[in-house]
PDB file of N, CA and C in Angstrom:
ATOM      1  N   MET A   1     -54.951  76.253 123.957  1.00  0.00           N
ATOM      2  CA  MET A   1     -54.642  76.296 125.515  1.00  0.00           C
ATOM      3  C   MET A   1     -53.515  75.271 125.620  1.00  0.00           C
ATOM      4  N   SER A   2     -52.711  75.596 126.258  1.00  0.00           N
ATOM      5  CA  SER A   2     -51.537  74.587 126.501  1.00  0.00           C
ATOM      6  C   SER A   2     -52.048  73.319 127.411  1.00  0.00           C
ATOM      7  N   ASN A   3     -51.240  72.334 127.380  1.00  0.00           N
ATOM      8  CA  ASN A   3     -51.601  70.959 127.992  1.00  0.00           C
ATOM      9  C   ASN A   3     -51.652  71.252 129.558  1.00  0.00           C
ATOM     10  N   ASP A   4     -51.082  72.042 130.206  1.00  0.00           N
ATOM     11  CA  ASP A   4     -51.170  72.240 131.523  1.00  0.00           C
ATOM     12  C   ASP A   4     -52.162  73.364 131.877  1.00  0.00           C
ATOM     13  N   ALA A   5     -52.650  73.822 131.155  1.00  0.00           N
ATOM     14  CA  ALA A   5     -54.198  75.130 131.565  1.00  0.00           C
ATOM     15  C   ALA A   5     -55.234  74.342 131.981  1.00  0.00           C
ATOM     16  N   SER A   6     -56.013  75.250 132.861  1.00  0.00           N
ATOM     17  CA  SER A   6     -57.129  74.648 133.578  1.00  0.00           C
ATOM     18  C   SER A   6     -57.991  74.481 132.182  1.00  0.00           C
ATOM     19  N   TRP A   7     -58.741  73.393 132.220  1.00  0.00           N
ATOM     20  CA  TRP A   7     -60.047  73.411 130.987  1.00  0.00           C
ATOM     21  C   TRP A   7     -61.152  74.335 131.265  1.00  0.00           C
ATOM     22  N   VAL A   8     -61.139  74.677 132.585  1.00  0.00           N
ATOM     23  CA  VAL A   8     -62.423  75.485 132.727  1.00  0.00           C
ATOM     24  C   VAL A   8     -61.842  76.863 132.201  1.00  0.00           C
ATOM     25  N   ASP A   9     -60.949  76.922 131.841  1.00  0.00           N
ATOM     26  CA  ASP A   9     -60.625  78.596 131.386  1.00  0.00           C
ATOM     27  C   ASP A   9     -60.771  78.474 129.743  1.00  0.00           C
ATOM     28  N   GLY A  10     -60.931  77.289 129.189  1.00  0.00           N
ATOM     29  CA  GLY A  10     -60.870  77.439 127.749  1.00  0.00           C
ATOM     30  C   GLY A  10     -62.114  77.762 127.432  1.00  0.00           C
ATOM     31  N   ASP A  11     -62.353  77.658 125.880  1.00  0.00           N
ATOM     32  CA  ASP A  11     -63.738  78.148 125.452  1.00  0.00           C
ATOM     33  C   ASP A  11     -64.675  76.896 125.292  1.00  0.00           C
ATOM     34  N   ASN A  12     -64.538  75.588 125.623  1.00  0.00           N
ATOM     35  CA  ASN A  12     -65.065  74.594 125.462  1.00  0.00           C
ATOM     36  C   ASN A  12     -65.730  74.022 126.670  1.00  0.00           C
ATOM     37  N   VAL A  13     -65.853  74.991 127.647  1.00  0.00           N
ATOM     38  CA  VAL A  13     -66.251  74.341 128.808  1.00  0.00           C
ATOM     39  C   VAL A  13     -67.580  73.694 128.970  1.00  0.00           C
ATOM     40  N   LYS A  14     -68.469  74.039 128.413  1.00  0.00           N
ATOM     41  CA  LYS A  14     -69.522  73.254 128.417  1.00  0.00           C
ATOM     42  C   LYS A  14     -69.898  71.889 127.839  1.00  0.00           C
ATOM     43  N   PRO A  15     -69.281  71.784 126.674  1.00  0.00           N
ATOM     44  CA  PRO A  15     -69.301  70.576 126.289  1.00  0.00           C
ATOM     45  C   PRO A  15     -68.427  69.518 126.873  1.00  0.00           C
ATOM     46  N   ILE A  16     -67.420  70.236 127.597  1.00  0.00           N
ATOM     47  CA  ILE A  16     -66.678  69.359 128.138  1.00  0.00           C
ATOM     48  C   ILE A  16     -67.262  68.872 129.593  1.00  0.00           C
ATOM     49  N   SER A  17     -67.853  69.778 129.903  1.00  0.00           N
ATOM     50  CA  SER A  17     -68.638  69.504 131.361  1.00  0.00           C
ATOM     51  C   SER A  17     -69.470  68.419 130.958  1.00  0.00           C
ATOM     52  N   LYS A  18     -70.567  68.610 130.162  1.00  0.00           N
ATOM     53  CA  LYS A  18     -71.580  67.674 129.583  1.00  0.00           C
ATOM     54  C   LYS A  18     -70.987  66.286 129.512  1.00  0.00           C
ATOM     55  N   ALA A  19     -69.949  66.118 128.657  1.00  0.00           N
ATOM     56  CA  ALA A  19     -69.367  64.864 128.418  1.00  0.00           C
ATOM     57  C   ALA A  19     -68.495  64.137 129.631  1.00  0.00           C
ATOM     58  N   ILE A  20     -68.282  64.971 130.716  1.00  0.00           N
ATOM     59  CA  ILE A  20     -67.995  64.710 131.971  1.00  0.00           C
ATOM     60  C   ILE A  20     -69.010  63.680 132.936  1.00  0.00           C
ATOM     61  N   GLY A  21     -70.393  64.865 132.560  1.00  0.00           N
ATOM     62  CA  GLY A  21     -71.173  64.317 133.437  1.00  0.00           C
ATOM     63  C   GLY A  21     -72.093  63.272 132.915  1.00  0.00           C
ATOM     64  N   ALA A  22     -71.905  62.800 131.307  1.00  0.00           N
ATOM     65  CA  ALA A  22     -72.359  61.951 130.893  1.00  0.00           C
ATOM     66  C   ALA A  22     -71.291  60.566 131.050  1.00  0.00           C
ATOM     67  N   ALA A  23     -70.229  60.567 131.403  1.00  0.00           N
ATOM     68  CA  ALA A  23     -69.377  59.572 131.837  1.00  0.00           C
ATOM     69  C   ALA A  23     -69.799  59.127 133.234  1.00  0.00           C
ATOM     70  N   TRP A  24     -69.905  60.196 134.030  1.00  0.00           N
ATOM     71  CA  TRP A  24     -70.176  60.247 135.293  1.00  0.00           C
ATOM     72  C   TRP A  24     -71.410  59.417 135.580  1.00  0.00           C
ATOM     73  N   SER A  25     -72.607  59.831 134.699  1.00  0.00           N
ATOM     74  CA  SER A  25     -74.104  59.089 134.892  1.00  0.00           C
ATOM     75  C   SER A  25     -73.641  57.666 134.212  1.00  0.00           C
ATOM     76  N   ALA A  26     -72.489  57.014 133.622  1.00  0.00           N
ATOM     77  CA  ALA A  26     -72.938  56.150 133.026  1.00  0.00           C
ATOM     78  C   ALA A  26     -72.035  54.932 134.095  1.00  0.00           C
ATOM     79  N   MET A  27     -71.148  55.711 134.692  1.00  0.00           N
ATOM     80  CA  MET A  27     -70.213  54.991 135.661  1.00  0.00           C
ATOM     81  C   MET A  27     -71.345  54.682 137.039  1.00  0.00           C
ATOM     82  N   ASP A  28     -72.226  55.399 137.169  1.00  0.00           N
ATOM     83  CA  ASP A  28     -73.468  55.395 138.327  1.00  0.00           C
ATOM     84  C   ASP A  28     -74.210  54.312 137.705  1.00  0.00           C
ATOM     85  N   ARG A  29     -74.613  54.137 136.359  1.00  0.00           N
ATOM     86  CA  ARG A  29     -75.347  52.807 135.858  1.00  0.00           C
ATOM     87  C   ARG A  29     -74.740  51.836 136.081  1.00  0.00           C
ATOM     88  N   LEU A  30     -73.319  51.805 135.816  1.00  0.00           N
ATOM     89  CA  LEU A  30     -72.805  50.497 135.743  1.00  0.00           C
ATOM     90  C   LEU A  30     -72.568  49.817 137.192  1.00  0.00           C
ATOM     91  N   TYR A  31     -72.429  50.972 138.385  1.00  0.00           N
ATOM     92  CA  TYR A  31     -72.301  50.698 139.570  1.00  0.00           C
ATOM     93  C   TYR A  31     -73.479  50.367 140.408  1.00  0.00           C
ATOM     94  N   PHE A  32     -74.535  50.751 140.086  1.00  0.00           N
ATOM     95  CA  PHE A  32     -75.627  50.775 140.967  1.00  0.00           C
ATOM     96  C   PHE A  32     -76.860  50.191 140.120  1.00  0.00           C
ATOM     97  N   HIS A  33     -76.857  50.031 139.094  1.00  0.00           N
ATOM     98  CA  HIS A  33     -78.055  49.336 138.142  1.00  0.00           C
ATOM     99  C   HIS A  33     -77.674  48.485 137.207  1.00  0.00           C
ATOM    100  N   SER A  34     -76.212  47.752 137.310  1.00  0.00           N
ATOM    101  CA  SER A  34     -76.240  46.378 136.825  1.00  0.00           C
ATOM    102  C   SER A  34     -76.262  45.258 137.338  1.00  0.00           C
ATOM    103  N   HIS A  35     -77.650  44.719 136.975  1.00  0.00           N
ATOM    104  CA  HIS A  35     -78.037  43.286 137.385  1.00  0.00           C
ATOM    105  C   HIS A  35     -77.666  42.071 136.933  1.00  0.00           C
ATOM    106  N   THR A  36     -77.163  42.227 135.707  1.00  0.00           N
ATOM    107  CA  THR A  36     -76.673  41.027 134.898  1.00  0.00           C
ATOM    108  C   THR A  36     -75.567  41.332 134.431  1.00  0.00           C
ATOM    109  N   ASP A  37     -74.645  40.101 133.717  1.00  0.00           N
ATOM    110  CA  ASP A  37     -73.631  40.462 133.036  1.00  0.00           C
ATOM    111  C   ASP A  37     -73.833  41.249 131.867  1.00  0.00           C
ATOM    112  N   ALA A  38     -75.097  41.161 131.172  1.00  0.00           N
ATOM    113  CA  ALA A  38     -75.439  41.784 129.978  1.00  0.00           C
ATOM    114  C   ALA A  38     -75.718  43.323 130.383  1.00  0.00           C
ATOM    115  N   ASP A  39     -75.960  43.831 131.522  1.00  0.00           N
ATOM    116  CA  ASP A  39     -76.213  45.340 132.000  1.00  0.00           C
ATOM    117  C   ASP A  39     -74.631  45.583 132.071  1.00  0.00           C
ATOM    118  N   ILE A  40     -74.082  44.839 132.989  1.00  0.00           N
ATOM    119  CA  ILE A  40     -72.361  45.221 133.010  1.00  0.00           C
ATOM    120  C   ILE A  40     -71.948  45.539 131.601  1.00  0.00           C
ATOM    121  N   LEU A  41     -71.981  44.744 130.589  1.00  0.00           N
ATOM    122  CA  LEU A  41     -71.202  45.141 129.273  1.00  0.00           C
ATOM    123  C   LEU A  41     -72.213  46.257 128.777  1.00  0.00           C
ATOM    124  N   LYS A  42     -73.328  46.408 128.735  1.00  0.00           N
ATOM    125  CA  LYS A  42     -73.845  47.753 128.016  1.00  0.00           C
ATOM    126  C   LYS A  42     -73.262  48.943 128.624  1.00  0.00           C
ATOM    127  N   HIS A  43     -73.485  48.860 130.132  1.00  0.00           N
ATOM    128  CA  HIS A  43     -73.015  50.049 130.796  1.00  0.00           C
ATOM    129  C   HIS A  43     -71.534  50.574 130.811  1.00  0.00           C
ATOM    130  N   ALA A  44     -70.720  49.425 130.468  1.00  0.00           N
ATOM    131  CA  ALA A  44     -69.153  49.732 130.275  1.00  0.00           C
ATOM    132  C   ALA A  44     -69.058  50.333 129.001  1.00  0.00           C
ATOM    133  N   ASP A  45     -69.935  49.884 127.888  1.00  0.00           N
ATOM    134  CA  ASP A  45     -69.924  50.353 126.613  1.00  0.00           C
ATOM    135  C   ASP A  45     -70.167  51.970 126.643  1.00  0.00           C
ATOM    136  N   GLN A  46     -71.103  52.333 127.514  1.00  0.00           N
ATOM    137  CA  GLN A  46     -71.644  53.712 127.475  1.00  0.00           C
ATOM    138  C   GLN A  46     -70.574  54.059 128.109  1.00  0.00           C
ATOM    139  N   ILE A  47     -69.945  53.787 129.161  1.00  0.00           N
ATOM    140  CA  ILE A  47     -68.750  54.644 129.687  1.00  0.00           C
ATOM    141  C   ILE A  47     -67.734  54.753 128.818  1.00  0.00           C
ATOM    142  N   SER A  48     -67.214  54.066 128.035  1.00  0.00           N
ATOM    143  CA  SER A  48     -66.242  53.801 127.145  1.00  0.00           C
ATOM    144  C   SER A  48     -66.830  54.895 125.815  1.00  0.00           C
ATOM    145  N   ARG A  49     -67.857  55.150 125.508  1.00  0.00           N
ATOM    146  CA  ARG A  49     -68.364  55.963 124.432  1.00  0.00           C
ATOM    147  C   ARG A  49     -68.445  57.654 125.368  1.00  0.00           C
ATOM    148  N   ALA A  50     -68.661  57.636 126.282  1.00  0.00           N
ATOM    149  CA  ALA A  50     -68.735  58.914 127.174  1.00  0.00           C
ATOM    150  C   ALA A  50     -67.098  59.410 127.411  1.00  0.00           C
ATOM    151  N   LEU A  51     -66.359  58.363 127.584  1.00  0.00           N
ATOM    152  CA  LEU A  51     -65.090  58.868 127.859  1.00  0.00           C
ATOM    153  C   LEU A  51     -64.272  59.169 126.537  1.00  0.00           C
ATOM    154  N   THR A  52     -64.485  58.260 125.358  1.00  0.00           N
ATOM    155  CA  THR A  52     -64.209  58.797 124.039  1.00  0.00           C
ATOM    156  C   THR A  52     -64.741  60.398 123.727  1.00  0.00           C
ATOM    157  N   ARG A  53     -65.866  60.630 124.182  1.00  0.00           N
ATOM    158  CA  ARG A  53     -66.452  62.125 124.194  1.00  0.00           C
ATOM    159  C   ARG A  53     -65.605  63.041 124.755  1.00  0.00           C
ATOM    160  N   VAL A  54     -65.608  62.648 126.087  1.00  0.00           N
ATOM    161  CA  VAL A  54     -64.397  63.624 126.846  1.00  0.00           C
ATOM    162  C   VAL A  54     -63.313  63.912 126.275  1.00  0.00           C
ATOM    163  N   ARG A  55     -62.554  63.011 125.774  1.00  0.00           N
ATOM    164  CA  ARG A  55     -61.194  63.014 125.254  1.00  0.00           C
ATOM    165  C   ARG A  55     -61.137  64.010 123.884  1.00  0.00           C
ATOM    166  N   ARG A  56     -62.490  63.617 123.174  1.00  0.00           N
ATOM    167  CA  ARG A  56     -62.487  64.572 121.879  1.00  0.00           C
ATOM    168  C   ARG A  56     -62.876  66.312 122.426  1.00  0.00           C
ATOM    169  N   GLU A  57     -63.608  66.269 123.318  1.00  0.00           N
ATOM    170  CA  GLU A  57     -63.635  67.578 123.642  1.00  0.00           C
ATOM    171  C   GLU A  57     -62.516  68.175 124.241  1.00  0.00           C
ATOM    172  N   THR A  58     -62.090  67.734 124.934  1.00  0.00           N
ATOM    173  CA  THR A  58     -60.787  68.130 125.642  1.00  0.00           C
ATOM    174  C   THR A  58     -59.942  68.118 124.533  1.00  0.00           C
ATOM    175  N   ARG A  59     -59.334  67.505 123.571  1.00  0.00           N
ATOM    176  CA  ARG A  59     -58.606  67.995 122.468  1.00  0.00           C
ATOM    177  C   ARG A  59     -59.015  68.957 121.815  1.00  0.00           C
ATOM    178  N   ALA A  60     -60.070  69.188 121.479  1.00  0.00           N
ATOM    179  CA  ALA A  60     -60.895  70.463 120.633  1.00  0.00           C
ATOM    180  C   ALA A  60     -60.834  71.389 121.405  1.00  0.00           C
ATOM    181  N   ASN A  61     -60.722  71.668 122.758  1.00  0.00           N
ATOM    182  CA  ASN A  61     -60.623  72.739 123.684  1.00  0.00           C
ATOM    183  C   ASN A  61     -58.951  73.108 123.511  1.00  0.00           C
ATOM    184  N   GLN A  62     -58.142  72.128 123.436  1.00  0.00           N
ATOM    185  CA  GLN A  62     -56.590  72.312 123.424  1.00  0.00           C
ATOM    186  C   GLN A  62     -56.371  73.218 122.115  1.00  0.00           C
ATOM    187  N   HIS A  63     -57.054  72.826 121.108  1.00  0.00           N
ATOM    188  CA  HIS A  63     -56.585  73.641 119.797  1.00  0.00           C
ATOM    189  C   HIS A  63     -57.337  74.887 119.467  1.00  0.00           C
ATOM    190  N   LEU A  64     -58.035  75.459 120.423  1.00  0.00           N
ATOM    191  CA  LEU A  64     -58.978  76.575 120.481  1.00  0.00           C
ATOM    192  C   LEU A  64     -58.105  77.582 120.511  1.00  0.00           C
ATOM    193  N   THR A  65     -56.917  77.589 121.238  1.00  0.00           N
ATOM    194  CA  THR A  65     -56.077  78.848 121.574  1.00  0.00           C
ATOM    195  C   THR A  65     -54.725  78.507 120.974  1.00  0.00           C
TER     196      THR A  65
END
């Protein structure tokens, strides 16, 4: 898949969508459920890990075609 192709046209749609959903949920937890500095750090770390997964799945999708 070329860099300018739509990710929904690739073979890895479900894993990418799941990874994006996890990142979205982590951001929601950061924004709405962080009551302490420790919460902010924990949720920010979850976002970072989720975005790493989004990048990994997207790169894998690029190499499938």
